[in-house]
Amino acid sequence: MFWWRRQVADGLWVAFTDAGAGNLALHVGDDVPAVRRRRSRLAAAMGKPPESLLFMNQVHSARVAWADQLVPAGPPNDGDALPGADAMVSPGGLNPMAVMVADCVPVLLAGFNADTGMVTGTAVVHAGRQGLSEGVIPAAVRELRLIATGELKAWIGPAICGQCYEVPEDMADSVAAQVPGTRTTTRQGTARLDLSGGVSRQLAGFGVVVEQIYGCTMEEGRLFSYRRDHQTGRFAGLVWREQT
């Protein structure tokens, strides 16, 4: 079910699922009741009630939502019923949150109090080519810093790697103009994008401590990849706190 998971602070967990958890997206043509059952099983594995796990309605934007202000209009775990956003912040990290991907970069963040070192907030970010170019990373960091006076830490999950993400020359140049360092080339000189590298550089530029969890979605059969198969599911990045 989990590609990787770790307790990173007292009671704070971060994780990334794999294909063993099944498709977790409602928007890819999968059987909706089956998706909701998978989401419920995932929440149980996290030690959380199914209705508490929040998914975003991801729209490739730089919009940030606050988890404590979201009131789902649909059934539990129905991210499609939430306002469109590609980052979500939880004060105190009290809301278990998910970000779904299948080549884009999943980012998990935690912010701490400068005096006590306690967790004061968490965030999840969906950083695709468009959202990264529009500034979803600085937007999420800016919002998280409203409630975190101390260190910020980030975990960058599996995504399509810089050698596999081939794009047209003009697209690579356009993204690199907004996010320097994302453009790469092969030995043959064809253009590619390193989205994870761009995310890492942006976060480091804001003073965020970054840990990369490696895995190329295009190359790893245990991960969903839209580039490899357009008819595919979505895996998730997760951040949550244990029940106290």
C-alpha atoms as a PDB file:
ATOM      1  CA  MET A   1       0.000   0.000   0.000  1.00  0.00           C
ATOM      2  CA  PHE A   2       2.809   2.437   0.868  1.00  0.00           C
ATOM      3  CA  TRP A   3       5.755   3.288  -1.355  1.00  0.00           C
ATOM      4  CA  TRP A   4       7.350   5.025   1.652  1.00  0.00           C
ATOM      5  CA  ARG A   5       6.236   6.310   5.039  1.00  0.00           C
ATOM      6  CA  ARG A   6       7.916   7.731   8.110  1.00  0.00           C
ATOM      7  CA  GLN A   7       7.200   9.382  11.438  1.00  0.00           C
ATOM      8  CA  VAL A   8       9.056  12.683  11.022  1.00  0.00           C
ATOM      9  CA  ALA A   9       8.209  14.402  14.291  1.00  0.00           C
ATOM     10  CA  ASP A  10       6.362  13.582  17.492  1.00  0.00           C
ATOM     11  CA  GLY A  11       3.059  12.150  16.239  1.00  0.00           C
ATOM     12  CA  LEU A  12       3.548  13.482  12.682  1.00  0.00           C
ATOM     13  CA  TRP A  13       3.619  11.088   9.721  1.00  0.00           C
ATOM     14  CA  VAL A  14       4.270  11.552   6.017  1.00  0.00           C
ATOM     15  CA  ALA A  15       3.813   8.892   3.335  1.00  0.00           C
ATOM     16  CA  PHE A  16       3.352   8.129  -0.342  1.00  0.00           C
ATOM     17  CA  THR A  17       1.172   5.279  -1.556  1.00  0.00           C
ATOM     18  CA  ASP A  18       1.817   3.017  -4.529  1.00  0.00           C
ATOM     19  CA  ALA A  19      -0.393   1.046  -6.906  1.00  0.00           C
ATOM     20  CA  GLY A  20      -1.008  -1.475  -4.135  1.00  0.00           C
ATOM     21  CA  ALA A  21      -3.371   1.036  -2.531  1.00  0.00           C
ATOM     22  CA  GLY A  22      -5.264   1.196  -5.821  1.00  0.00           C
ATOM     23  CA  ASN A  23      -6.501   4.208  -7.699  1.00  0.00           C
ATOM     24  CA  LEU A  24      -7.543   6.972  -5.291  1.00  0.00           C
ATOM     25  CA  ALA A  25      -8.987   9.430  -7.831  1.00  0.00           C
ATOM     26  CA  LEU A  26     -12.658   9.959  -8.603  1.00  0.00           C
ATOM     27  CA  HIS A  27     -12.076  11.737 -11.924  1.00  0.00           C
ATOM     28  CA  VAL A  28     -10.381   9.010 -14.012  1.00  0.00           C
ATOM     29  CA  GLY A  29     -13.419   6.918 -14.960  1.00  0.00           C
ATOM     30  CA  ASP A  30     -13.021   4.364 -12.166  1.00  0.00           C
ATOM     31  CA  ASP A  31     -15.928   2.873 -10.222  1.00  0.00           C
ATOM     32  CA  VAL A  32     -16.793   5.552  -7.672  1.00  0.00           C
ATOM     33  CA  PRO A  33     -17.874   3.237  -4.804  1.00  0.00           C
ATOM     34  CA  ALA A  34     -14.653   1.246  -5.288  1.00  0.00           C
ATOM     35  CA  VAL A  35     -12.559   4.420  -5.073  1.00  0.00           C
ATOM     36  CA  ARG A  36     -14.315   5.453  -1.890  1.00  0.00           C
ATOM     37  CA  ARG A  37     -13.693   2.006  -0.389  1.00  0.00           C
ATOM     38  CA  ARG A  38      -9.985   2.343  -1.189  1.00  0.00           C
ATOM     39  CA  ARG A  39      -9.906   5.791   0.396  1.00  0.00           C
ATOM     40  CA  SER A  40     -11.566   4.379   3.504  1.00  0.00           C
ATOM     41  CA  ARG A  41      -9.036   1.525   3.700  1.00  0.00           C
ATOM     42  CA  LEU A  42      -6.221   4.030   3.346  1.00  0.00           C
ATOM     43  CA  ALA A  43      -7.638   6.197   6.130  1.00  0.00           C
ATOM     44  CA  ALA A  44      -7.892   3.107   8.341  1.00  0.00           C
ATOM     45  CA  ALA A  45      -4.227   2.286   7.645  1.00  0.00           C
ATOM     46  CA  MET A  46      -3.414   5.826   8.788  1.00  0.00           C
ATOM     47  CA  GLY A  47      -5.473   5.349  11.936  1.00  0.00           C
ATOM     48  CA  LYS A  48      -7.984   7.977  10.825  1.00  0.00           C
ATOM     49  CA  PRO A  49     -11.780   7.993  10.339  1.00  0.00           C
ATOM     50  CA  PRO A  50     -12.633   7.794   6.612  1.00  0.00           C
ATOM     51  CA  GLU A  51     -14.554  11.067   6.654  1.00  0.00           C
ATOM     52  CA  SER A  52     -11.554  12.987   8.040  1.00  0.00           C
ATOM     53  CA  LEU A  53      -9.135  12.405   5.139  1.00  0.00           C
ATOM     54  CA  LEU A  54      -9.240  15.437   2.833  1.00  0.00           C
ATOM     55  CA  PHE A  55      -8.562  15.268  -0.916  1.00  0.00           C
ATOM     56  CA  MET A  56      -8.347  18.308  -3.184  1.00  0.00           C
ATOM     57  CA  ASN A  57     -10.166  18.982  -6.421  1.00  0.00           C
ATOM     58  CA  GLN A  58      -6.869  19.596  -8.257  1.00  0.00           C
ATOM     59  CA  VAL A  59      -7.031  22.010 -11.196  1.00  0.00           C
ATOM     60  CA  HIS A  60      -3.347  22.775 -12.050  1.00  0.00           C
ATOM     61  CA  SER A  61      -3.422  26.174 -10.358  1.00  0.00           C
ATOM     62  CA  ALA A  62      -1.527  28.108  -7.684  1.00  0.00           C
ATOM     63  CA  ARG A  63      -4.575  28.323  -5.403  1.00  0.00           C
ATOM     64  CA  VAL A  64      -4.129  27.381  -1.739  1.00  0.00           C
ATOM     65  CA  ALA A  65      -7.053  26.191   0.419  1.00  0.00           C
ATOM     66  CA  TRP A  66      -7.178  26.077   4.212  1.00  0.00           C
ATOM     67  CA  ALA A  67      -8.279  22.644   5.375  1.00  0.00           C
ATOM     68  CA  ASP A  68     -10.052  23.871   8.505  1.00  0.00           C
ATOM     69  CA  GLN A  69     -12.325  26.056   6.358  1.00  0.00           C
ATOM     70  CA  LEU A  70     -13.375  23.359   3.891  1.00  0.00           C
ATOM     71  CA  VAL A  71     -16.850  21.900   4.204  1.00  0.00           C
ATOM     72  CA  PRO A  72     -17.317  19.024   1.727  1.00  0.00           C
ATOM     73  CA  ALA A  73     -20.643  19.192  -0.089  1.00  0.00           C
ATOM     74  CA  GLY A  74     -20.580  15.533  -1.084  1.00  0.00           C
ATOM     75  CA  PRO A  75     -19.897  12.157   0.565  1.00  0.00           C
ATOM     76  CA  PRO A  76     -16.845  11.646   2.826  1.00  0.00           C
ATOM     77  CA  ASN A  77     -13.479  11.842   1.019  1.00  0.00           C
ATOM     78  CA  ASP A  78     -15.122  13.309  -2.081  1.00  0.00           C
ATOM     79  CA  GLY A  79     -12.410  15.734  -3.221  1.00  0.00           C
ATOM     80  CA  ASP A  80     -14.493  16.686  -6.252  1.00  0.00           C
ATOM     81  CA  ALA A  81     -16.945  18.401  -3.883  1.00  0.00           C
ATOM     82  CA  LEU A  82     -14.254  20.788  -2.605  1.00  0.00           C
ATOM     83  CA  PRO A  83     -13.214  24.084  -4.229  1.00  0.00           C
ATOM     84  CA  GLY A  84     -10.506  23.781  -6.870  1.00  0.00           C
ATOM     85  CA  ALA A  85      -7.031  24.086  -5.340  1.00  0.00           C
ATOM     86  CA  ASP A  86      -3.579  22.592  -5.743  1.00  0.00           C
ATOM     87  CA  ALA A  87      -2.273  23.198  -2.246  1.00  0.00           C
ATOM     88  CA  MET A  88      -3.906  22.791   1.124  1.00  0.00           C
ATOM     89  CA  VAL A  89      -2.770  23.971   4.569  1.00  0.00           C
ATOM     90  CA  SER A  90      -3.875  22.585   7.922  1.00  0.00           C
ATOM     91  CA  PRO A  91      -3.366  24.694  11.081  1.00  0.00           C
ATOM     92  CA  GLY A  92      -1.696  22.545  13.700  1.00  0.00           C
ATOM     93  CA  GLY A  93      -1.623  19.700  11.203  1.00  0.00           C
ATOM     94  CA  LEU A  94      -4.954  18.584  12.639  1.00  0.00           C
ATOM     95  CA  ASN A  95      -6.488  17.631   9.269  1.00  0.00           C
ATOM     96  CA  PRO A  96      -5.157  14.498   7.547  1.00  0.00           C
ATOM     97  CA  MET A  97      -4.614  15.507   3.919  1.00  0.00           C
ATOM     98  CA  ALA A  98      -3.850  13.903   0.563  1.00  0.00           C
ATOM     99  CA  VAL A  99      -2.448  15.064  -2.767  1.00  0.00           C
ATOM    100  CA  MET A 100      -2.966  12.849  -5.851  1.00  0.00           C
ATOM    101  CA  VAL A 101      -0.501  12.443  -8.720  1.00  0.00           C
ATOM    102  CA  ALA A 102       0.483  10.242 -11.643  1.00  0.00           C
ATOM    103  CA  ASP A 103       3.636  12.052 -12.935  1.00  0.00           C
ATOM    104  CA  CYS A 104       3.243  15.483 -11.291  1.00  0.00           C
ATOM    105  CA  VAL A 105       5.238  16.191  -8.144  1.00  0.00           C
ATOM    106  CA  PRO A 106       3.592  15.515  -4.762  1.00  0.00           C
ATOM    107  CA  VAL A 107       4.977  17.723  -1.992  1.00  0.00           C
ATOM    108  CA  LEU A 108       4.344  17.389   1.739  1.00  0.00           C
ATOM    109  CA  LEU A 109       5.257  20.202   4.129  1.00  0.00           C
ATOM    110  CA  ALA A 110       5.420  20.712   7.872  1.00  0.00           C
ATOM    111  CA  GLY A 111       6.018  23.931   9.785  1.00  0.00           C
ATOM    112  CA  PHE A 112       7.259  24.270  13.344  1.00  0.00           C
ATOM    113  CA  ASN A 113       7.185  26.812  16.172  1.00  0.00           C
ATOM    114  CA  ALA A 114      10.493  28.648  16.535  1.00  0.00           C
ATOM    115  CA  ASP A 115      10.444  28.481  20.353  1.00  0.00           C
ATOM    116  CA  THR A 116       8.957  25.072  21.126  1.00  0.00           C
ATOM    117  CA  GLY A 117       9.703  23.085  17.972  1.00  0.00           C
ATOM    118  CA  MET A 118       6.114  21.854  17.959  1.00  0.00           C
ATOM    119  CA  VAL A 119       4.231  21.291  14.712  1.00  0.00           C
ATOM    120  CA  THR A 120       2.135  24.370  13.945  1.00  0.00           C
ATOM    121  CA  GLY A 121       0.957  23.480  10.447  1.00  0.00           C
ATOM    122  CA  THR A 122       1.153  21.041   7.568  1.00  0.00           C
ATOM    123  CA  ALA A 123       0.522  21.307   3.843  1.00  0.00           C
ATOM    124  CA  VAL A 124       0.191  19.232   0.694  1.00  0.00           C
ATOM    125  CA  VAL A 125       0.994  20.517  -2.797  1.00  0.00           C
ATOM    126  CA  HIS A 126       0.249  19.257  -6.317  1.00  0.00           C
ATOM    127  CA  ALA A 127       3.101  20.624  -8.447  1.00  0.00           C
ATOM    128  CA  GLY A 128       2.533  19.870 -12.113  1.00  0.00           C
ATOM    129  CA  ARG A 129       4.096  21.780 -14.983  1.00  0.00           C
ATOM    130  CA  GLN A 130       1.369  24.437 -15.045  1.00  0.00           C
ATOM    131  CA  GLY A 131       0.988  24.870 -11.301  1.00  0.00           C
ATOM    132  CA  LEU A 132       4.750  25.031 -10.818  1.00  0.00           C
ATOM    133  CA  SER A 133       4.998  27.730 -13.493  1.00  0.00           C
ATOM    134  CA  GLU A 134       2.146  29.698 -11.916  1.00  0.00           C
ATOM    135  CA  GLY A 135       3.786  29.673  -8.480  1.00  0.00           C
ATOM    136  CA  VAL A 136       2.040  27.000  -6.418  1.00  0.00           C
ATOM    137  CA  ILE A 137       5.196  26.306  -4.381  1.00  0.00           C
ATOM    138  CA  PRO A 138       5.813  29.895  -3.187  1.00  0.00           C
ATOM    139  CA  ALA A 139       2.067  30.307  -2.603  1.00  0.00           C
ATOM    140  CA  ALA A 140       1.974  27.252  -0.324  1.00  0.00           C
ATOM    141  CA  VAL A 141       5.126  28.285   1.550  1.00  0.00           C
ATOM    142  CA  ARG A 142       3.766  31.802   2.033  1.00  0.00           C
ATOM    143  CA  GLU A 143       0.513  30.502   3.524  1.00  0.00           C
ATOM    144  CA  LEU A 144       2.251  27.950   5.766  1.00  0.00           C
ATOM    145  CA  ARG A 145       4.590  30.623   7.120  1.00  0.00           C
ATOM    146  CA  LEU A 146       1.550  32.491   8.442  1.00  0.00           C
ATOM    147  CA  ILE A 147       1.297  29.824  11.142  1.00  0.00           C
ATOM    148  CA  ALA A 148       4.863  28.480  11.305  1.00  0.00           C
ATOM    149  CA  THR A 149       7.496  30.774  12.830  1.00  0.00           C
ATOM    150  CA  GLY A 150      10.277  28.188  12.845  1.00  0.00           C
ATOM    151  CA  GLU A 151      11.726  25.641  10.472  1.00  0.00           C
ATOM    152  CA  LEU A 152       9.855  24.362   7.439  1.00  0.00           C
ATOM    153  CA  LYS A 153      10.494  20.840   6.160  1.00  0.00           C
ATOM    154  CA  ALA A 154       9.396  19.291   2.876  1.00  0.00           C
ATOM    155  CA  TRP A 155       9.212  15.798   1.441  1.00  0.00           C
ATOM    156  CA  ILE A 156       9.142  15.541  -2.357  1.00  0.00           C
ATOM    157  CA  GLY A 157       7.578  12.297  -3.557  1.00  0.00           C
ATOM    158  CA  PRO A 158       7.928  10.139  -6.660  1.00  0.00           C
ATOM    159  CA  ALA A 159       7.273  11.868  -9.996  1.00  0.00           C
ATOM    160  CA  ILE A 160       8.319  11.587 -13.601  1.00  0.00           C
ATOM    161  CA  CYS A 161      12.073  12.143 -13.769  1.00  0.00           C
ATOM    162  CA  GLY A 162      13.957  14.698 -15.817  1.00  0.00           C
ATOM    163  CA  GLN A 163      15.135  12.098 -18.329  1.00  0.00           C
ATOM    164  CA  CYS A 164      11.636  10.765 -19.022  1.00  0.00           C
ATOM    165  CA  TYR A 165       9.650  14.000 -19.281  1.00  0.00           C
ATOM    166  CA  GLU A 166      10.247  15.007 -22.887  1.00  0.00           C
ATOM    167  CA  VAL A 167       8.465  18.191 -24.020  1.00  0.00           C
ATOM    168  CA  PRO A 168       8.591  20.602 -26.985  1.00  0.00           C
ATOM    169  CA  GLU A 169      11.441  23.109 -26.968  1.00  0.00           C
ATOM    170  CA  ASP A 170       9.166  26.118 -26.526  1.00  0.00           C
ATOM    171  CA  MET A 171       7.398  24.520 -23.559  1.00  0.00           C
ATOM    172  CA  ALA A 172      10.703  23.720 -21.854  1.00  0.00           C
ATOM    173  CA  ASP A 173      11.884  27.293 -22.391  1.00  0.00           C
ATOM    174  CA  SER A 174       8.609  28.719 -21.070  1.00  0.00           C
ATOM    175  CA  VAL A 175       8.723  26.687 -17.854  1.00  0.00           C
ATOM    176  CA  ALA A 176      12.430  27.389 -17.328  1.00  0.00           C
ATOM    177  CA  ALA A 177      11.753  31.125 -17.668  1.00  0.00           C
ATOM    178  CA  GLN A 178       9.392  30.888 -14.683  1.00  0.00           C
ATOM    179  CA  VAL A 179      11.280  28.204 -12.730  1.00  0.00           C
ATOM    180  CA  PRO A 180      15.009  28.317 -13.520  1.00  0.00           C
ATOM    181  CA  GLY A 181      16.801  24.977 -13.538  1.00  0.00           C
ATOM    182  CA  THR A 182      13.888  22.873 -14.741  1.00  0.00           C
ATOM    183  CA  ARG A 183      15.059  22.564 -18.359  1.00  0.00           C
ATOM    184  CA  THR A 184      17.270  19.578 -19.163  1.00  0.00           C
ATOM    185  CA  THR A 185      18.411  17.897 -22.361  1.00  0.00           C
ATOM    186  CA  THR A 186      19.390  14.420 -23.476  1.00  0.00           C
ATOM    187  CA  ARG A 187      22.648  13.511 -25.195  1.00  0.00           C
ATOM    188  CA  GLN A 188      20.714  13.929 -28.434  1.00  0.00           C
ATOM    189  CA  GLY A 189      19.785  17.467 -27.429  1.00  0.00           C
ATOM    190  CA  THR A 190      16.021  16.966 -27.053  1.00  0.00           C
ATOM    191  CA  ALA A 191      14.274  19.067 -24.413  1.00  0.00           C
ATOM    192  CA  ARG A 192      13.057  17.668 -21.128  1.00  0.00           C
ATOM    193  CA  LEU A 193      11.751  19.057 -17.836  1.00  0.00           C
ATOM    194  CA  ASP A 194      12.941  18.169 -14.351  1.00  0.00           C
ATOM    195  CA  LEU A 195       9.924  19.216 -12.303  1.00  0.00           C
ATOM    196  CA  SER A 196      11.181  17.660  -9.058  1.00  0.00           C
ATOM    197  CA  GLY A 197      14.441  19.535  -9.433  1.00  0.00           C
ATOM    198  CA  GLY A 198      12.554  22.776  -9.951  1.00  0.00           C
ATOM    199  CA  VAL A 199      10.426  22.147  -6.865  1.00  0.00           C
ATOM    200  CA  SER A 200      13.508  21.328  -4.778  1.00  0.00           C
ATOM    201  CA  ARG A 201      15.327  24.494  -5.868  1.00  0.00           C
ATOM    202  CA  GLN A 202      12.324  26.685  -5.157  1.00  0.00           C
ATOM    203  CA  LEU A 203      11.841  25.214  -1.695  1.00  0.00           C
ATOM    204  CA  ALA A 204      15.525  25.502  -0.833  1.00  0.00           C
ATOM    205  CA  GLY A 205      15.416  29.126  -1.985  1.00  0.00           C
ATOM    206  CA  PHE A 206      12.757  29.786   0.659  1.00  0.00           C
ATOM    207  CA  GLY A 207      14.907  28.153   3.340  1.00  0.00           C
ATOM    208  CA  VAL A 208      12.899  24.934   3.456  1.00  0.00           C
ATOM    209  CA  VAL A 209      14.734  21.745   4.465  1.00  0.00           C
ATOM    210  CA  VAL A 210      14.071  19.271   1.640  1.00  0.00           C
ATOM    211  CA  GLU A 211      14.094  15.475   1.513  1.00  0.00           C
ATOM    212  CA  GLN A 212      13.563  13.741  -1.828  1.00  0.00           C
ATOM    213  CA  ILE A 213      11.786  10.376  -1.914  1.00  0.00           C
ATOM    214  CA  TYR A 214      12.977   8.890  -5.185  1.00  0.00           C
ATOM    215  CA  GLY A 215      11.029   6.954  -7.769  1.00  0.00           C
ATOM    216  CA  CYS A 216      10.270   7.750 -11.414  1.00  0.00           C
ATOM    217  CA  THR A 217       6.606   7.193 -12.192  1.00  0.00           C
ATOM    218  CA  MET A 218       7.391   6.457 -15.832  1.00  0.00           C
ATOM    219  CA  GLU A 219       9.887   3.735 -14.952  1.00  0.00           C
ATOM    220  CA  GLU A 220       8.388   2.186 -11.814  1.00  0.00           C
ATOM    221  CA  GLY A 221       5.527  -0.257 -12.367  1.00  0.00           C
ATOM    222  CA  ARG A 222       4.427   0.161  -8.742  1.00  0.00           C
ATOM    223  CA  LEU A 223       3.531   3.791  -9.437  1.00  0.00           C
ATOM    224  CA  PHE A 224       0.809   5.216 -11.679  1.00  0.00           C
ATOM    225  CA  SER A 225       1.989   7.223 -14.694  1.00  0.00           C
ATOM    226  CA  TYR A 226      -0.218   9.191 -17.077  1.00  0.00           C
ATOM    227  CA  ARG A 227       2.659   9.429 -19.539  1.00  0.00           C
ATOM    228  CA  ARG A 228       3.061   5.668 -19.587  1.00  0.00           C
ATOM    229  CA  ASP A 229      -0.660   4.911 -19.733  1.00  0.00           C
ATOM    230  CA  HIS A 230      -3.352   7.575 -20.197  1.00  0.00           C
ATOM    231  CA  GLN A 231      -5.913   5.207 -18.670  1.00  0.00           C
ATOM    232  CA  THR A 232      -4.370   5.099 -15.232  1.00  0.00           C
ATOM    233  CA  GLY A 233      -5.048   5.815 -11.581  1.00  0.00           C
ATOM    234  CA  ARG A 234      -3.560   8.222  -9.073  1.00  0.00           C
ATOM    235  CA  PHE A 235      -1.438   7.502  -6.026  1.00  0.00           C
ATOM    236  CA  ALA A 236      -1.237   9.873  -3.071  1.00  0.00           C
ATOM    237  CA  GLY A 237       1.070  11.836  -0.834  1.00  0.00           C
ATOM    238  CA  LEU A 238      -0.210  11.981   2.735  1.00  0.00           C
ATOM    239  CA  VAL A 239       0.473  13.957   5.905  1.00  0.00           C
ATOM    240  CA  TRP A 240      -1.287  13.338   9.221  1.00  0.00           C
ATOM    241  CA  ARG A 241      -0.924  13.438  12.978  1.00  0.00           C
ATOM    242  CA  GLU A 242      -1.625  10.546  15.290  1.00  0.00           C
ATOM    243  CA  GLN A 243      -4.651  10.656  17.541  1.00  0.00           C
ATOM    244  CA  THR A 244      -3.767  12.198  20.910  1.00  0.00           C
END
